Amino acid sequence: MTGEHQWRAAVTVPVSERQARLGLIRGRLHLPERQTVSVEDVYCASCRRPFDDVADEPCVVGRHLHGGPIGTRKNRKGWRA
């Protein structure tokens, strides 16, 4: 299965102690308008690969997790104690 990348940017945002606490509780931060943030990395949220490595390729969206057609793939080995 292939598709379009869903680009995300990992950013660094300076916050106060109160903002940090509320960010952990709420799971999000409210930033003032026009606040500038530093971009640390850009990656695809679907395939989790960096922008520089896969920008000109289609997104493979979990292809590495698919084992192939059921009739042709190897069976999983059971856990033995």
Protein backbone atom coordinates (compact mmCIF):
# COMPACT_ATOMS: atom_id res chain seq x y z
CA MET A 1 0.00 0.00 0.00
CA THR A 2 1.46 3.38 -0.96
CA GLY A 3 0.19 6.88 -0.53
CA GLU A 4 1.11 10.47 0.08
CA HIS A 5 3.39 11.41 2.93
CA GLN A 6 1.87 13.14 5.96
CA TRP A 7 4.67 15.58 6.83
CA ARG A 8 5.20 16.65 10.44
CA ALA A 9 7.79 18.94 11.99
CA ALA A 10 9.43 18.26 15.35
CA VAL A 11 9.91 21.69 16.91
CA THR A 12 11.49 23.20 20.01
CA VAL A 13 9.30 25.69 21.87
CA PRO A 14 10.48 27.61 24.94
CA VAL A 15 7.81 27.31 27.68
CA SER A 16 7.35 28.43 31.27
CA GLU A 17 6.93 25.92 34.09
CA ARG A 18 3.16 26.52 34.07
CA GLN A 19 2.94 25.98 30.29
CA ALA A 20 4.99 22.78 30.61
CA ARG A 21 2.68 21.43 33.32
CA LEU A 22 -0.48 22.29 31.37
CA GLY A 23 1.03 20.87 28.18
CA LEU A 24 1.62 17.53 29.89
CA ILE A 25 -1.90 17.45 31.33
CA ARG A 26 -3.73 18.58 28.18
CA GLY A 27 -1.41 17.05 25.60
CA ARG A 28 -1.19 20.33 23.67
CA LEU A 29 0.12 23.88 23.98
CA HIS A 30 -1.54 27.13 23.02
CA LEU A 31 1.07 29.42 21.49
CA PRO A 32 0.81 33.18 21.01
CA GLU A 33 0.22 34.40 17.48
CA ARG A 34 3.38 34.95 15.44
CA GLN A 35 5.59 33.01 17.87
CA THR A 36 8.62 31.60 16.08
CA VAL A 37 9.66 28.01 16.80
CA SER A 38 12.82 26.10 15.85
CA VAL A 39 12.32 23.10 13.56
CA GLU A 40 14.51 20.19 14.68
CA ASP A 41 13.37 17.56 12.17
CA VAL A 42 10.76 16.96 9.44
CA TYR A 43 9.40 13.43 9.00
CA CYS A 44 6.39 11.53 7.64
CA ALA A 45 3.85 10.65 10.34
CA SER A 46 2.78 7.54 8.39
CA CYS A 47 6.07 5.83 7.55
CA ARG A 48 8.16 7.67 10.22
CA ARG A 49 11.00 8.34 7.75
CA PRO A 50 12.92 11.64 7.44
CA PHE A 51 11.99 14.16 4.75
CA ASP A 52 15.48 14.18 3.20
CA ASP A 53 15.42 10.41 2.67
CA VAL A 54 11.97 9.98 1.10
CA ALA A 55 10.77 13.34 -0.26
CA ASP A 56 10.73 12.11 -3.89
CA GLU A 57 9.36 8.62 -3.14
CA PRO A 58 5.76 7.57 -2.45
CA CYS A 59 4.93 6.75 1.17
CA VAL A 60 5.18 3.02 1.93
CA VAL A 61 2.69 3.27 4.83
CA GLY A 62 3.51 0.16 6.82
CA ARG A 63 4.50 -2.06 3.90
CA HIS A 64 7.18 -3.59 6.15
CA LEU A 65 4.41 -4.82 8.48
CA HIS A 66 2.54 -6.84 5.85
CA GLY A 67 3.55 -10.48 5.43
CA GLY A 68 2.16 -11.00 1.95
CA PRO A 69 -0.71 -13.21 0.74
CA ILE A 70 -1.89 -15.65 3.42
CA GLY A 71 -1.43 -18.72 1.24
CA THR A 72 2.20 -17.94 0.37
CA ARG A 73 3.73 -16.44 3.52
CA LYS A 74 5.49 -18.48 6.18
CA ASN A 75 3.57 -19.40 9.31
CA ARG A 76 4.63 -17.78 12.55
CA LYS A 77 6.63 -19.90 14.92
CA GLY A 78 4.81 -20.55 18.18
CA TRP A 79 6.36 -19.65 21.50
CA ARG A 80 7.77 -22.64 23.34
CA ALA A 81 8.84 -22.68 27.00
